């Protein structure tokens, strides 16, 4: 498991959540930053409990529309 270091304010909360669930994690890495933790997980270094931040939400990708001129004539027929 990848966990926050003991310097983190979230570590006591996560430790309590695991204790309440009767889970004794095998901690492989302790990190300071949530982005570091997410990076470790993305490289399959382990699993982690982390709060949901907007920066971690999936990004929707769109295909690029054909190029159009920035200046267009107004539509006067409406």
PDB file of N, CA and C in Angstrom:
ATOM      1  N   UNK A   1       0.841  -1.172   0.000  1.00  0.00           N
ATOM      2  CA  UNK A   1       0.000   0.000   0.000  1.00  0.00           C
ATOM      3  C   UNK A   1       0.885   1.233   0.000  1.00  0.00           C
ATOM      4  N   UNK A   2       0.420   2.252  -0.674  1.00  0.00           N
ATOM      5  CA  UNK A   2       1.080   3.554  -0.685  1.00  0.00           C
ATOM      6  C   UNK A   2       0.285   4.431   0.271  1.00  0.00           C
ATOM      7  N   UNK A   3       0.968   5.039   1.212  1.00  0.00           N
ATOM      8  CA  UNK A   3       0.278   5.790   2.247  1.00  0.00           C
ATOM      9  C   UNK A   3       0.942   7.142   2.436  1.00  0.00           C
ATOM     10  N   UNK A   4       0.194   8.088   2.974  1.00  0.00           N
ATOM     11  CA  UNK A   4       0.795   9.363   3.341  1.00  0.00           C
ATOM     12  C   UNK A   4       1.762   9.145   4.495  1.00  0.00           C
ATOM     13  N   UNK A   5       2.779   9.996   4.576  1.00  0.00           N
ATOM     14  CA  UNK A   5       3.721   9.906   5.685  1.00  0.00           C
ATOM     15  C   UNK A   5       3.032  10.351   6.969  1.00  0.00           C
ATOM     16  N   UNK A   6       3.685  10.108   8.082  1.00  0.00           N
ATOM     17  CA  UNK A   6       3.121  10.497   9.376  1.00  0.00           C
ATOM     18  C   UNK A   6       3.067  12.014   9.534  1.00  0.00           C
ATOM     19  N   UNK A   7       3.753  12.762   8.687  1.00  0.00           N
ATOM     20  CA  UNK A   7       3.700  14.227   8.718  1.00  0.00           C
ATOM     21  C   UNK A   7       2.393  14.762   8.143  1.00  0.00           C
ATOM     22  N   UNK A   8       1.675  13.938   7.417  1.00  0.00           N
ATOM     23  CA  UNK A   8       0.447  14.368   6.747  1.00  0.00           C
ATOM     24  C   UNK A   8      -0.715  14.433   7.735  1.00  0.00           C
ATOM     25  N   UNK A   9      -1.572  15.408   7.539  1.00  0.00           N
ATOM     26  CA  UNK A   9      -2.769  15.505   8.363  1.00  0.00           C
ATOM     27  C   UNK A   9      -3.785  14.420   8.070  1.00  0.00           C
ATOM     28  N   UNK A  10      -3.687  13.802   6.890  1.00  0.00           N
ATOM     29  CA  UNK A  10      -4.625  12.741   6.518  1.00  0.00           C
ATOM     30  C   UNK A  10      -4.228  11.373   7.061  1.00  0.00           C
ATOM     31  N   UNK A  11      -2.986  11.201   7.413  1.00  0.00           N
ATOM     32  CA  UNK A  11      -2.519   9.876   7.846  1.00  0.00           C
ATOM     33  C   UNK A  11      -3.292   9.336   9.046  1.00  0.00           C
ATOM     34  N   UNK A  12      -3.517  10.125  10.109  1.00  0.00           N
ATOM     35  CA  UNK A  12      -4.293   9.572  11.229  1.00  0.00           C
ATOM     36  C   UNK A  12      -5.706   9.148  10.820  1.00  0.00           C
ATOM     37  N   UNK A  13      -6.322   9.900   9.933  1.00  0.00           N
ATOM     38  CA  UNK A  13      -7.661   9.558   9.462  1.00  0.00           C
ATOM     39  C   UNK A  13      -7.647   8.241   8.691  1.00  0.00           C
ATOM     40  N   UNK A  14      -6.691   8.092   7.799  1.00  0.00           N
ATOM     41  CA  UNK A  14      -6.593   6.859   7.009  1.00  0.00           C
ATOM     42  C   UNK A  14      -6.260   5.677   7.903  1.00  0.00           C
ATOM     43  N   UNK A  15      -5.356   5.875   8.856  1.00  0.00           N
ATOM     44  CA  UNK A  15      -5.031   4.798   9.798  1.00  0.00           C
ATOM     45  C   UNK A  15      -6.274   4.356  10.564  1.00  0.00           C
ATOM     46  N   UNK A  16      -7.109   5.315  10.975  1.00  0.00           N
ATOM     47  CA  UNK A  16      -8.328   4.983  11.720  1.00  0.00           C
ATOM     48  C   UNK A  16      -9.337   4.256  10.836  1.00  0.00           C
ATOM     49  N   UNK A  17      -9.471   4.687   9.594  1.00  0.00           N
ATOM     50  CA  UNK A  17     -10.381   4.008   8.657  1.00  0.00           C
ATOM     51  C   UNK A  17      -9.963   2.552   8.484  1.00  0.00           C
ATOM     52  N   UNK A  18      -8.683   2.325   8.295  1.00  0.00           N
ATOM     53  CA  UNK A  18      -8.186   0.957   8.123  1.00  0.00           C
ATOM     54  C   UNK A  18      -8.374   0.141   9.399  1.00  0.00           C
ATOM     55  N   UNK A  19      -8.113   0.755  10.546  1.00  0.00           N
ATOM     56  CA  UNK A  19      -8.283   0.063  11.829  1.00  0.00           C
ATOM     57  C   UNK A  19      -9.742  -0.328  12.035  1.00  0.00           C
ATOM     58  N   UNK A  20     -10.666   0.608  11.751  1.00  0.00           N
ATOM     59  CA  UNK A  20     -12.097   0.321  11.902  1.00  0.00           C
ATOM     60  C   UNK A  20     -12.557  -0.801  10.978  1.00  0.00           C
ATOM     61  N   UNK A  21     -11.899  -0.942   9.839  1.00  0.00           N
ATOM     62  CA  UNK A  21     -12.240  -1.998   8.876  1.00  0.00           C
ATOM     63  C   UNK A  21     -11.472  -3.289   9.152  1.00  0.00           C
ATOM     64  N   UNK A  22     -10.706  -3.307  10.245  1.00  0.00           N
ATOM     65  CA  UNK A  22      -9.892  -4.470  10.622  1.00  0.00           C
ATOM     66  C   UNK A  22      -8.913  -4.855   9.517  1.00  0.00           C
ATOM     67  N   UNK A  23      -8.316  -3.834   8.915  1.00  0.00           N
ATOM     68  CA  UNK A  23      -7.337  -4.035   7.843  1.00  0.00           C
ATOM     69  C   UNK A  23      -5.967  -3.610   8.359  1.00  0.00           C
ATOM     70  N   UNK A  24      -5.006  -4.511   8.231  1.00  0.00           N
ATOM     71  CA  UNK A  24      -3.624  -4.190   8.579  1.00  0.00           C
ATOM     72  C   UNK A  24      -2.840  -4.079   7.274  1.00  0.00           C
ATOM     73  N   UNK A  25      -2.631  -2.858   6.799  1.00  0.00           N
ATOM     74  CA  UNK A  25      -1.980  -2.698   5.495  1.00  0.00           C
ATOM     75  C   UNK A  25      -0.492  -3.007   5.545  1.00  0.00           C
ATOM     76  N   UNK A  26      -0.009  -3.518   4.445  1.00  0.00           N
ATOM     77  CA  UNK A  26       1.429  -3.693   4.269  1.00  0.00           C
ATOM     78  C   UNK A  26       1.896  -2.458   3.496  1.00  0.00           C
ATOM     79  N   UNK A  27       2.451  -1.500   4.214  1.00  0.00           N
ATOM     80  CA  UNK A  27       2.819  -0.226   3.607  1.00  0.00           C
ATOM     81  C   UNK A  27       4.173  -0.360   2.917  1.00  0.00           C
ATOM     82  N   UNK A  28       4.160  -0.147   1.613  1.00  0.00           N
ATOM     83  CA  UNK A  28       5.382  -0.245   0.816  1.00  0.00           C
ATOM     84  C   UNK A  28       6.056   1.108   0.659  1.00  0.00           C
ATOM     85  N   UNK A  29       5.249   2.177   0.559  1.00  0.00           N
ATOM     86  CA  UNK A  29       5.783   3.525   0.347  1.00  0.00           C
ATOM     87  C   UNK A  29       5.003   4.512   1.203  1.00  0.00           C
ATOM     88  N   UNK A  30       5.706   5.492   1.724  1.00  0.00           N
ATOM     89  CA  UNK A  30       5.085   6.623   2.400  1.00  0.00           C
ATOM     90  C   UNK A  30       5.485   7.878   1.643  1.00  0.00           C
ATOM     91  N   UNK A  31       4.501   8.693   1.286  1.00  0.00           N
ATOM     92  CA  UNK A  31       4.765   9.887   0.484  1.00  0.00           C
ATOM     93  C   UNK A  31       4.171  11.114   1.166  1.00  0.00           C
ATOM     94  N   UNK A  32       4.639  12.278   0.742  1.00  0.00           N
ATOM     95  CA  UNK A  32       4.175  13.547   1.306  1.00  0.00           C
ATOM     96  C   UNK A  32       3.036  14.159   0.495  1.00  0.00           C
ATOM     97  N   UNK A  33       3.039  13.962  -0.806  1.00  0.00           N
ATOM     98  CA  UNK A  33       2.112  14.666  -1.695  1.00  0.00           C
ATOM     99  C   UNK A  33       1.102  13.719  -2.337  1.00  0.00           C
ATOM    100  N   UNK A  34      -0.131  14.207  -2.481  1.00  0.00           N
ATOM    101  CA  UNK A  34      -1.168  13.382  -3.098  1.00  0.00           C
ATOM    102  C   UNK A  34      -0.887  13.105  -4.568  1.00  0.00           C
ATOM    103  N   UNK A  35      -0.254  14.048  -5.262  1.00  0.00           N
ATOM    104  CA  UNK A  35       0.078  13.813  -6.670  1.00  0.00           C
ATOM    105  C   UNK A  35       1.164  12.743  -6.814  1.00  0.00           C
ATOM    106  N   UNK A  36       2.089  12.698  -5.861  1.00  0.00           N
ATOM    107  CA  UNK A  36       3.101  11.635  -5.859  1.00  0.00           C
ATOM    108  C   UNK A  36       2.423  10.287  -5.666  1.00  0.00           C
ATOM    109  N   UNK A  37       1.482  10.248  -4.750  1.00  0.00           N
ATOM    110  CA  UNK A  37       0.745   9.014  -4.486  1.00  0.00           C
ATOM    111  C   UNK A  37       0.000   8.553  -5.738  1.00  0.00           C
ATOM    112  N   UNK A  38      -0.675   9.468  -6.395  1.00  0.00           N
ATOM    113  CA  UNK A  38      -1.408   9.122  -7.615  1.00  0.00           C
ATOM    114  C   UNK A  38      -0.460   8.621  -8.695  1.00  0.00           C
ATOM    115  N   UNK A  39       0.715   9.220  -8.791  1.00  0.00           N
ATOM    116  CA  UNK A  39       1.709   8.766  -9.760  1.00  0.00           C
ATOM    117  C   UNK A  39       2.180   7.355  -9.471  1.00  0.00           C
ATOM    118  N   UNK A  40       2.439   7.051  -8.200  1.00  0.00           N
ATOM    119  CA  UNK A  40       2.860   5.701  -7.822  1.00  0.00           C
ATOM    120  C   UNK A  40       1.781   4.680  -8.184  1.00  0.00           C
ATOM    121  N   UNK A  41       0.531   5.028  -7.903  1.00  0.00           N
ATOM    122  CA  UNK A  41      -0.570   4.118  -8.235  1.00  0.00           C
ATOM    123  C   UNK A  41      -0.660   3.927  -9.743  1.00  0.00           C
ATOM    124  N   UNK A  42      -0.486   5.005 -10.504  1.00  0.00           N
ATOM    125  CA  UNK A  42      -0.595   4.900 -11.962  1.00  0.00           C
ATOM    126  C   UNK A  42       0.492   4.015 -12.559  1.00  0.00           C
ATOM    127  N   UNK A  43       1.629   3.888 -11.848  1.00  0.00           N
ATOM    128  CA  UNK A  43       2.703   3.008 -12.310  1.00  0.00           C
ATOM    129  C   UNK A  43       2.647   1.634 -11.647  1.00  0.00           C
ATOM    130  N   UNK A  44       1.507   1.323 -11.046  1.00  0.00           N
ATOM    131  CA  UNK A  44       1.266   0.010 -10.432  1.00  0.00           C
ATOM    132  C   UNK A  44       2.238  -0.319  -9.306  1.00  0.00           C
ATOM    133  N   UNK A  45       2.620   0.698  -8.527  1.00  0.00           N
ATOM    134  CA  UNK A  45       3.478   0.454  -7.366  1.00  0.00           C
ATOM    135  C   UNK A  45       2.666  -0.011  -6.163  1.00  0.00           C
ATOM    136  N   UNK A  46       1.356   0.103  -6.239  1.00  0.00           N
ATOM    137  CA  UNK A  46       0.507  -0.308  -5.136  1.00  0.00           C
ATOM    138  C   UNK A  46      -0.844   0.366  -5.213  1.00  0.00           C
ATOM    139  N   UNK A  47      -1.593   0.225  -4.126  1.00  0.00           N
ATOM    140  CA  UNK A  47      -2.903   0.860  -4.018  1.00  0.00           C
ATOM    141  C   UNK A  47      -2.835   1.923  -2.932  1.00  0.00           C
ATOM    142  N   UNK A  48      -3.810   2.835  -2.949  1.00  0.00           N
ATOM    143  CA  UNK A  48      -3.809   3.912  -1.966  1.00  0.00           C
ATOM    144  C   UNK A  48      -5.226   4.365  -1.670  1.00  0.00           C
ATOM    145  N   UNK A  49      -5.404   4.930  -0.495  1.00  0.00           N
ATOM    146  CA  UNK A  49      -6.643   5.623  -0.149  1.00  0.00           C
ATOM    147  C   UNK A  49      -6.342   7.102  -0.240  1.00  0.00           C
ATOM    148  N   UNK A  50      -7.126   7.790  -1.030  1.00  0.00           N
ATOM    149  CA  UNK A  50      -6.873   9.211  -1.239  1.00  0.00           C
ATOM    150  C   UNK A  50      -8.205   9.918  -1.453  1.00  0.00           C
ATOM    151  N   UNK A  51      -8.272  11.164  -1.028  1.00  0.00           N
ATOM    152  CA  UNK A  51      -9.488  11.951  -1.219  1.00  0.00           C
ATOM    153  C   UNK A  51      -9.668  12.259  -2.700  1.00  0.00           C
ATOM    154  N   UNK A  52     -10.906  12.422  -3.114  1.00  0.00           N
ATOM    155  CA  UNK A  52     -11.196  12.761  -4.504  1.00  0.00           C
ATOM    156  C   UNK A  52     -11.008  14.257  -4.705  1.00  0.00           C
ATOM    157  N   UNK A  53     -10.062  14.596  -5.528  1.00  0.00           N
ATOM    158  CA  UNK A  53      -9.809  15.984  -5.873  1.00  0.00           C
ATOM    159  C   UNK A  53     -10.238  16.200  -7.314  1.00  0.00           C
ATOM    160  N   UNK A  54     -10.590  17.427  -7.646  1.00  0.00           N
ATOM    161  CA  UNK A  54     -11.021  17.702  -9.017  1.00  0.00           C
ATOM    162  C   UNK A  54      -9.925  17.398 -10.019  1.00  0.00           C
ATOM    163  N   UNK A  55      -8.673  17.513  -9.615  1.00  0.00           N
ATOM    164  CA  UNK A  55      -7.581  17.242 -10.552  1.00  0.00           C
ATOM    165  C   UNK A  55      -7.441  15.764 -10.864  1.00  0.00           C
ATOM    166  N   UNK A  56      -8.079  14.895 -10.074  1.00  0.00           N
ATOM    167  CA  UNK A  56      -7.988  13.464 -10.312  1.00  0.00           C
ATOM    168  C   UNK A  56      -9.178  12.918 -11.079  1.00  0.00           C
ATOM    169  N   UNK A  57     -10.156  13.749 -11.340  1.00  0.00           N
ATOM    170  CA  UNK A  57     -11.327  13.273 -12.070  1.00  0.00           C
ATOM    171  C   UNK A  57     -10.961  13.012 -13.521  1.00  0.00           C
ATOM    172  N   UNK A  58     -11.606  12.027 -14.131  1.00  0.00           N
ATOM    173  CA  UNK A  58     -11.286  11.725 -15.533  1.00  0.00           C
ATOM    174  C   UNK A  58     -11.506  12.939 -16.437  1.00  0.00           C
ATOM    175  N   UNK A  59     -10.654  13.070 -17.382  1.00  0.00           N
ATOM    176  CA  UNK A  59     -10.743  14.172 -18.333  1.00  0.00           C
ATOM    177  C   UNK A  59     -11.501  13.678 -19.554  1.00  0.00           C
ATOM    178  N   UNK A  60     -12.459  14.455 -20.015  1.00  0.00           N
ATOM    179  CA  UNK A  60     -13.192  14.111 -21.225  1.00  0.00           C
ATOM    180  C   UNK A  60     -12.414  14.661 -22.410  1.00  0.00           C
ATOM    181  N   UNK A  61     -12.143  13.813 -23.356  1.00  0.00           N
ATOM    182  CA  UNK A  61     -11.405  14.239 -24.536  1.00  0.00           C
ATOM    183  C   UNK A  61     -12.366  14.412 -25.705  1.00  0.00           C
ATOM    184  N   UNK A  62     -12.153  15.444 -26.460  1.00  0.00           N
ATOM    185  CA  UNK A  62     -12.983  15.727 -27.618  1.00  0.00           C
ATOM    186  C   UNK A  62     -12.096  15.805 -28.850  1.00  0.00           C
ATOM    187  N   UNK A  63     -12.652  15.414 -29.972  1.00  0.00           N
ATOM    188  CA  UNK A  63     -11.889  15.557 -31.206  1.00  0.00           C
ATOM    189  C   UNK A  63     -11.893  17.015 -31.619  1.00  0.00           C
ATOM    190  N   UNK A  64     -10.841  17.405 -32.242  1.00  0.00           N
ATOM    191  CA  UNK A  64     -10.696  18.796 -32.657  1.00  0.00           C
ATOM    192  C   UNK A  64     -11.601  19.071 -33.852  1.00  0.00           C
ATOM    193  N   UNK A  65     -12.346  20.150 -33.762  1.00  0.00           N
ATOM    194  CA  UNK A  65     -13.235  20.552 -34.855  1.00  0.00           C
ATOM    195  C   UNK A  65     -12.406  21.116 -35.996  1.00  0.00           C
ATOM    196  N   UNK A  66     -12.925  21.053 -37.209  1.00  0.00           N
ATOM    197  CA  UNK A  66     -12.202  21.646 -38.335  1.00  0.00           C
ATOM    198  C   UNK A  66     -11.957  23.131 -38.078  1.00  0.00           C
ATOM    199  N   UNK A  67     -10.844  23.604 -38.568  1.00  0.00           N
ATOM    200  CA  UNK A  67     -10.476  25.007 -38.361  1.00  0.00           C
ATOM    201  C   UNK A  67     -11.463  25.925 -39.066  1.00  0.00           C
ATOM    202  N   UNK A  68     -11.876  26.934 -38.357  1.00  0.00           N
ATOM    203  CA  UNK A  68     -12.764  27.947 -38.929  1.00  0.00           C
ATOM    204  C   UNK A  68     -12.132  29.306 -38.682  1.00  0.00           C
ATOM    205  N   UNK A  69     -12.417  30.209 -39.554  1.00  0.00           N
ATOM    206  CA  UNK A  69     -11.900  31.559 -39.395  1.00  0.00           C
ATOM    207  C   UNK A  69     -12.476  32.178 -38.130  1.00  0.00           C
ATOM    208  N   UNK A  70     -11.667  32.944 -37.437  1.00  0.00           N
ATOM    209  CA  UNK A  70     -12.127  33.607 -36.221  1.00  0.00           C
ATOM    210  C   UNK A  70     -13.096  34.732 -36.542  1.00  0.00           C
ATOM    211  N   UNK A  71     -13.057  35.234 -37.760  1.00  0.00           N
ATOM    212  CA  UNK A  71     -13.950  36.322 -38.163  1.00  0.00           C
ATOM    213  C   UNK A  71     -14.968  35.760 -39.139  1.00  0.00           C
ATOM    214  N   UNK A  72     -16.228  35.891 -38.787  1.00  0.00           N
ATOM    215  CA  UNK A  72     -17.285  35.398 -39.669  1.00  0.00           C
ATOM    216  C   UNK A  72     -18.306  36.505 -39.892  1.00  0.00           C
ATOM    217  N   UNK A  73     -18.995  36.405 -40.981  1.00  0.00           N
ATOM    218  CA  UNK A  73     -20.048  37.377 -41.288  1.00  0.00           C
ATOM    219  C   UNK A  73     -21.270  37.047 -40.454  1.00  0.00           C
ATOM    220  N   UNK A  74     -21.964  38.035 -39.935  1.00  0.00           N
ATOM    221  CA  UNK A  74     -23.168  37.760 -39.148  1.00  0.00           C
ATOM    222  C   UNK A  74     -24.258  37.165 -40.027  1.00  0.00           C
ATOM    223  N   UNK A  75     -25.071  36.315 -39.431  1.00  0.00           N
ATOM    224  CA  UNK A  75     -26.194  35.716 -40.144  1.00  0.00           C
ATOM    225  C   UNK A  75     -27.372  36.680 -40.039  1.00  0.00           C
ATOM    226  N   UNK A  76     -27.658  37.382 -41.111  1.00  0.00           N
ATOM    227  CA  UNK A  76     -28.707  38.399 -41.101  1.00  0.00           C
ATOM    228  C   UNK A  76     -30.061  37.862 -41.538  1.00  0.00           C
ATOM    229  N   UNK A  77     -30.134  36.575 -41.877  1.00  0.00           N
ATOM    230  CA  UNK A  77     -31.384  36.011 -42.383  1.00  0.00           C
ATOM    231  C   UNK A  77     -32.347  35.631 -41.262  1.00  0.00           C
ATOM    232  N   UNK A  78     -31.935  35.647 -40.027  1.00  0.00           N
ATOM    233  CA  UNK A  78     -32.818  35.251 -38.912  1.00  0.00           C
ATOM    234  C   UNK A  78     -33.743  36.336 -38.502  1.00  0.00           C
TER     235      UNK A  78
END
